[in-house]
Amino acid sequence: MRNQTSKLSVEEVIKFWAEKSHLGQDPLSKIWCPDRPIWNIYTDNLHAHYLRPYISKLKPSDKVLDIGCGIGRFTFRFAKFCNKVYGIDTSKENIAFAKTTAQKEKITKINFSVMDARNLKFVDGTFDYAFSVTCLQHITDKMNLILAFKELFRVTKKNGYIILLEDTSKIRKREPDVISMPREEWFKIIKRSGGRIEYWCGTDLPLLRKVAVTLPFKIICHFVTRKGWKIEGNAFDRDKKLFELYNNNSKRNKIIEHVVMMILVNLIKLFEYTIPKLWKNQSMYTVMIIKKE
């Protein structure tokens, strides 16, 4: 087994997320941080903020594809505006969870399926809109990413739109399940696949996050709430150990961490909801609005 900082193959990434979605107890922990629920909520709300202008343009007659839908966090948002929504994911656990949610909420306009973005089971030109929210970034090699883009453009109608929110940073040494590819390379692949980028902007301020959130939170954890924690091993073991340690942590420590994280995210909220659009080249995550030519 490779070490924690090596890139996983696409097949290993699929396995990694299948295991993670099985371990997660609250919905967002299935797809994000197993030990920072407040940060997960903040990130979900931030993504929704930057995608809301495009989601609100959906019409009842539009057919929408949500690639890598996970637990359906955006699939359900799309269903508020249009009548035909398809959510796909490689994780059987996530799809099962999303289907259960749809049944509880009595939502019948969504079709959830286990499917690989590299081999979409739809005919050409099926969708008016296709969304990928932090999904394609987990295809860790360029050739497979190109294959997924070809499929994505194939199933989108001419003059239809593909809307992405992905990690477009150059280097992610500590993220074995995320491709390390600069924004310019994403743009080149999109153009070669037959798309024209009408608009793009950033969604986050990496340096501010490190200084205002990551560093203070780590200090609190190291000296107060997580003294003695040791998390070692490969990518498959890391989150499993985090789930275990966090779930066994005391209620007092969890409350401390929640309060600290709530204060920290509110400190950066004003900036990340406004500045990245103006300072977009510094952002790690990028929203891309693409029209199929």
Protein backbone atom coordinates (compact mmCIF):
# COMPACT_ATOMS: atom_id res chain seq x y z
CA MET A 1 0.00 0.00 0.00
CA ARG A 2 1.28 3.44 -0.91
CA ASN A 3 1.99 6.11 1.68
CA GLN A 4 -0.33 8.91 2.76
CA THR A 5 0.99 11.59 0.42
CA SER A 6 1.11 9.53 -2.82
CA LYS A 7 -1.69 9.94 -5.33
CA LEU A 8 -4.26 7.18 -5.41
CA SER A 9 -5.31 5.62 -8.69
CA VAL A 10 -8.88 6.31 -9.84
CA GLU A 11 -9.92 2.82 -8.72
CA GLU A 12 -8.34 3.42 -5.31
CA VAL A 13 -10.16 6.75 -5.04
CA ILE A 14 -13.47 4.99 -5.69
CA LYS A 15 -12.64 2.51 -2.93
CA PHE A 16 -11.51 5.32 -0.60
CA TRP A 17 -14.82 7.20 -0.93
CA ALA A 18 -16.86 4.01 -0.63
CA GLU A 19 -15.21 3.30 2.72
CA LYS A 20 -15.51 6.90 3.89
CA SER A 21 -19.22 7.17 3.04
CA HIS A 22 -19.83 3.95 4.98
CA LEU A 23 -18.05 5.29 8.11
CA GLY A 24 -19.64 8.74 8.17
CA GLN A 25 -22.37 9.25 10.77
CA ASP A 26 -23.71 12.70 9.95
CA PRO A 27 -24.46 13.26 6.23
CA LEU A 28 -21.71 15.78 5.44
CA SER A 29 -19.03 13.70 7.17
CA LYS A 30 -19.64 11.03 4.53
CA ILE A 31 -18.16 13.33 1.89
CA TRP A 32 -15.91 15.72 3.84
CA CYS A 33 -14.10 16.10 7.16
CA PRO A 34 -14.95 13.32 9.62
CA ASP A 35 -14.02 15.50 12.58
CA ARG A 36 -15.10 19.09 11.73
CA PRO A 37 -18.89 19.25 11.30
CA ILE A 38 -19.03 23.04 11.61
CA TRP A 39 -16.49 23.43 8.80
CA ASN A 40 -18.49 21.00 6.65
CA ILE A 41 -21.63 23.10 7.08
CA TYR A 42 -19.70 26.27 6.29
CA THR A 43 -18.23 24.75 3.12
CA ASP A 44 -21.62 23.49 1.96
CA ASN A 45 -23.17 26.93 2.45
CA LEU A 46 -20.24 28.62 0.69
CA HIS A 47 -20.58 26.33 -2.34
CA ALA A 48 -24.32 27.02 -2.43
CA HIS A 49 -23.65 30.76 -2.32
CA TYR A 50 -21.41 30.67 -5.39
CA LEU A 51 -23.68 28.32 -7.36
CA ARG A 52 -27.00 29.89 -6.42
CA PRO A 53 -27.10 32.37 -9.37
CA TYR A 54 -26.86 29.46 -11.83
CA ILE A 55 -29.18 27.09 -9.98
CA SER A 56 -31.87 29.78 -9.89
CA LYS A 57 -31.78 29.95 -13.71
CA LEU A 58 -33.01 26.36 -14.03
CA LYS A 59 -36.45 25.95 -15.58
CA PRO A 60 -39.05 23.23 -14.91
CA SER A 61 -38.45 21.80 -18.41
CA ASP A 62 -34.67 21.49 -17.97
CA LYS A 63 -33.07 18.09 -17.58
CA VAL A 64 -30.15 18.25 -15.14
CA LEU A 65 -27.27 15.87 -14.37
CA ASP A 66 -25.43 15.97 -11.03
CA ILE A 67 -22.10 14.14 -11.42
CA GLY A 68 -20.64 12.80 -8.19
CA CYS A 69 -23.81 13.73 -6.34
CA GLY A 70 -22.70 12.07 -3.11
CA ILE A 71 -25.51 12.32 -0.55
CA GLY A 72 -27.48 14.55 -2.94
CA ARG A 73 -26.70 17.88 -1.32
CA PHE A 74 -27.07 19.74 -4.64
CA THR A 75 -29.30 17.23 -6.40
CA PHE A 76 -32.10 18.17 -4.02
CA ARG A 77 -31.42 21.86 -4.59
CA PHE A 78 -31.76 21.38 -8.37
CA ALA A 79 -35.06 19.57 -7.89
CA LYS A 80 -36.58 22.73 -6.41
CA PHE A 81 -36.36 24.37 -9.85
CA CYS A 82 -36.72 21.60 -12.47
CA ASN A 83 -38.67 18.39 -12.87
CA LYS A 84 -36.05 15.96 -14.20
CA VAL A 85 -32.86 15.56 -12.17
CA TYR A 86 -30.35 12.70 -12.32
CA GLY A 87 -27.77 12.17 -9.60
CA ILE A 88 -24.91 9.73 -10.11
CA ASP A 89 -22.08 8.59 -7.86
CA THR A 90 -19.68 5.64 -7.62
CA SER A 91 -20.51 5.11 -3.93
CA LYS A 92 -23.38 2.67 -3.38
CA GLU A 93 -23.59 3.90 0.22
CA ASN A 94 -24.07 7.53 -0.81
CA ILE A 95 -26.65 6.66 -3.46
CA ALA A 96 -28.58 4.54 -0.96
CA PHE A 97 -28.50 7.41 1.55
CA ALA A 98 -29.72 9.88 -1.12
CA LYS A 99 -32.55 7.55 -2.18
CA THR A 100 -33.65 7.16 1.45
CA THR A 101 -33.67 10.95 1.87
CA ALA A 102 -35.77 11.34 -1.29
CA GLN A 103 -38.28 8.77 0.00
CA LYS A 104 -38.53 10.49 3.38
CA GLU A 105 -39.08 13.87 1.73
CA LYS A 106 -41.45 12.32 -0.86
CA ILE A 107 -39.42 13.72 -3.75
CA THR A 108 -40.09 11.76 -6.95
CA LYS A 109 -38.47 13.96 -9.61
CA ILE A 110 -34.90 12.70 -8.90
CA ASN A 111 -33.32 9.55 -10.29
CA PHE A 112 -30.26 8.39 -8.30
CA SER A 113 -27.91 5.81 -9.86
CA VAL A 114 -24.52 4.23 -9.19
CA MET A 115 -22.45 5.29 -12.19
CA ASP A 116 -18.90 6.23 -13.20
CA ALA A 117 -18.35 9.65 -14.81
CA ARG A 118 -16.00 8.01 -17.31
CA ASN A 119 -18.79 5.83 -18.66
CA LEU A 120 -22.12 7.66 -18.53
CA LYS A 121 -25.16 5.51 -19.37
CA PHE A 122 -27.05 8.27 -21.18
CA VAL A 123 -27.60 8.94 -24.88
CA ASP A 124 -25.94 11.88 -26.61
CA GLY A 125 -27.35 15.34 -25.88
CA THR A 126 -29.57 14.27 -22.97
CA PHE A 127 -29.05 17.17 -20.55
CA ASP A 128 -29.60 20.93 -20.62
CA TYR A 129 -27.30 21.36 -17.62
CA ALA A 130 -24.60 19.19 -16.08
CA PHE A 131 -23.09 20.04 -12.70
CA SER A 132 -19.96 18.72 -11.02
CA VAL A 133 -19.36 20.02 -7.51
CA THR A 134 -15.97 18.84 -6.18
CA CYS A 135 -16.25 15.57 -8.11
CA LEU A 136 -14.03 15.66 -11.21
CA GLN A 137 -11.12 16.84 -9.05
CA HIS A 138 -11.00 13.31 -7.61
CA ILE A 139 -10.07 11.80 -10.97
CA THR A 140 -6.39 11.79 -10.13
CA ASP A 141 -4.79 11.37 -13.55
CA LYS A 142 -5.15 13.54 -16.63
CA MET A 143 -6.07 10.83 -19.14
CA ASN A 144 -9.02 9.61 -17.09
CA LEU A 145 -10.09 13.22 -16.46
CA ILE A 146 -10.11 13.87 -20.22
CA LEU A 147 -12.22 10.73 -20.68
CA ALA A 148 -14.73 12.00 -18.11
CA PHE A 149 -14.88 15.40 -19.82
CA LYS A 150 -15.56 13.76 -23.19
CA GLU A 151 -18.45 11.84 -21.64
CA LEU A 152 -19.73 14.96 -19.91
CA PHE A 153 -19.78 16.95 -23.14
CA ARG A 154 -21.27 14.03 -25.05
CA VAL A 155 -24.38 13.82 -22.85
CA THR A 156 -24.89 17.61 -22.74
CA LYS A 157 -27.05 19.24 -25.41
CA LYS A 158 -25.56 21.69 -27.91
CA ASN A 159 -25.68 25.17 -26.35
CA GLY A 160 -26.25 23.47 -23.01
CA TYR A 161 -24.22 24.36 -19.93
CA ILE A 162 -21.68 22.51 -17.80
CA ILE A 163 -21.11 24.11 -14.41
CA LEU A 164 -18.14 23.06 -12.32
CA LEU A 165 -16.86 23.85 -8.85
CA GLU A 166 -13.50 22.10 -8.51
CA ASP A 167 -10.08 22.26 -6.88
CA THR A 168 -7.83 23.85 -9.53
CA SER A 169 -4.66 24.28 -7.47
CA LYS A 170 -1.25 23.19 -8.77
CA ILE A 171 -0.07 21.10 -5.85
CA ARG A 172 -2.01 19.10 -3.28
CA LYS A 173 0.77 17.08 -1.64
CA ARG A 174 -1.32 16.01 1.32
CA GLU A 175 -4.45 15.13 -0.67
CA PRO A 176 -3.92 11.72 -2.27
CA ASP A 177 -7.42 11.66 -3.79
CA VAL A 178 -7.26 15.05 -5.58
CA ILE A 179 -5.57 15.72 -8.91
CA SER A 180 -2.74 18.27 -8.86
CA MET A 181 -3.45 20.31 -11.97
CA PRO A 182 -3.37 24.10 -12.42
CA ARG A 183 -6.40 26.06 -13.54
CA GLU A 184 -4.86 26.69 -16.97
CA GLU A 185 -4.76 22.93 -17.66
CA TRP A 186 -8.42 22.61 -16.71
CA PHE A 187 -9.22 25.38 -19.19
CA LYS A 188 -7.26 23.65 -21.97
CA ILE A 189 -9.07 20.34 -21.46
CA ILE A 190 -12.44 22.11 -21.45
CA LYS A 191 -11.64 23.90 -24.71
CA ARG A 192 -10.42 20.71 -26.41
CA SER A 193 -13.57 18.92 -25.31
CA GLY A 194 -15.76 21.45 -27.10
CA GLY A 195 -16.58 23.95 -24.40
CA ARG A 196 -16.30 27.72 -24.06
CA ILE A 197 -15.80 29.21 -20.61
CA GLU A 198 -18.22 32.10 -20.28
CA TYR A 199 -17.26 32.98 -16.72
CA TRP A 200 -15.11 31.80 -13.85
CA CYS A 201 -14.32 32.96 -10.34
CA GLY A 202 -12.69 31.78 -7.14
CA THR A 203 -14.56 30.73 -4.01
CA ASP A 204 -11.96 30.75 -1.24
CA LEU A 205 -8.88 32.50 0.17
CA PRO A 206 -6.29 29.78 0.97
CA LEU A 207 -3.83 32.00 2.87
CA LEU A 208 -6.61 33.51 5.00
CA ARG A 209 -7.91 30.03 5.74
CA LYS A 210 -4.51 28.87 6.95
CA VAL A 211 -3.93 31.90 9.17
CA ALA A 212 -7.44 32.49 10.47
CA VAL A 213 -8.85 28.95 10.69
CA THR A 214 -6.40 26.05 10.25
CA LEU A 215 -3.60 27.31 12.51
CA PRO A 216 -5.75 28.40 15.51
CA PHE A 217 -7.85 25.24 15.30
CA LYS A 218 -4.76 23.03 15.25
CA ILE A 219 -3.34 24.83 18.29
CA ILE A 220 -6.56 24.26 20.26
CA CYS A 221 -6.63 20.60 19.23
CA HIS A 222 -2.96 20.00 20.00
CA PHE A 223 -2.95 21.51 23.48
CA VAL A 224 -6.56 21.09 24.66
CA THR A 225 -8.97 18.71 22.93
CA ARG A 226 -6.82 16.11 21.14
CA LYS A 227 -3.72 15.66 23.25
CA GLY A 228 -2.11 12.33 22.52
CA TRP A 229 -3.88 11.67 19.24
CA LYS A 230 -1.67 9.85 16.74
CA ILE A 231 -2.95 9.48 13.19
CA GLU A 232 -0.59 7.62 10.90
CA GLY A 233 -0.79 5.35 7.89
CA ASN A 234 -2.02 5.54 4.34
CA ALA A 235 -5.01 7.43 2.99
CA PHE A 236 -7.34 4.50 3.63
CA ASP A 237 -6.44 4.38 7.33
CA ARG A 238 -6.31 8.11 8.04
CA ASP A 239 -10.01 8.97 7.93
CA LYS A 240 -10.98 5.68 9.57
CA LYS A 241 -8.77 6.56 12.53
CA LEU A 242 -10.14 10.12 12.62
CA PHE A 243 -13.72 8.83 12.70
CA GLU A 244 -12.86 6.51 15.55
CA LEU A 245 -11.00 9.08 17.65
CA TYR A 246 -13.51 11.86 17.07
CA ASN A 247 -16.52 9.67 17.87
CA ASN A 248 -14.85 8.58 21.11
CA ASN A 249 -13.85 12.10 22.10
CA SER A 250 -15.57 13.62 25.12
CA LYS A 251 -18.67 15.78 24.79
CA ARG A 252 -16.78 18.63 26.46
CA ASN A 253 -13.99 18.56 23.87
CA LYS A 254 -16.46 18.42 21.00
CA ILE A 255 -18.30 21.46 22.35
CA ILE A 256 -15.01 23.37 22.67
CA GLU A 257 -14.06 22.53 19.08
CA HIS A 258 -17.51 23.43 17.74
CA VAL A 259 -17.47 26.83 19.48
CA VAL A 260 -13.91 27.60 18.31
CA MET A 261 -14.69 26.59 14.74
CA MET A 262 -17.91 28.60 14.72
CA ILE A 263 -15.98 31.72 15.78
CA LEU A 264 -13.25 31.12 13.19
CA VAL A 265 -15.55 30.52 10.22
CA ASN A 266 -17.51 33.64 11.05
CA LEU A 267 -14.25 35.61 10.97
CA ILE A 268 -13.56 34.58 7.37
CA LYS A 269 -17.16 34.40 6.16
CA LEU A 270 -17.40 38.07 5.19
CA PHE A 271 -14.20 37.82 3.14
CA GLU A 272 -14.86 34.50 1.39
CA TYR A 273 -18.36 35.49 0.39
CA THR A 274 -17.07 38.58 -1.43
CA ILE A 275 -13.33 38.84 -2.14
CA PRO A 276 -12.63 35.65 -4.19
CA LYS A 277 -14.63 37.02 -7.12
CA LEU A 278 -12.24 39.98 -7.25
CA TRP A 279 -9.08 38.11 -6.27
CA LYS A 280 -9.93 34.95 -8.16
CA ASN A 281 -6.41 33.98 -9.27
CA GLN A 282 -5.44 33.27 -5.65
CA SER A 283 -8.30 30.85 -5.06
CA MET A 284 -7.84 27.09 -4.67
CA TYR A 285 -11.40 26.29 -5.76
CA THR A 286 -12.92 27.65 -8.96
CA VAL A 287 -16.42 27.96 -10.35
CA MET A 288 -16.45 27.51 -14.13
CA ILE A 289 -19.49 28.25 -16.32
CA ILE A 290 -19.04 26.41 -19.62
CA LYS A 291 -21.21 26.48 -22.74
CA LYS A 292 -21.10 23.52 -25.10
CA GLU A 293 -20.32 24.81 -28.58
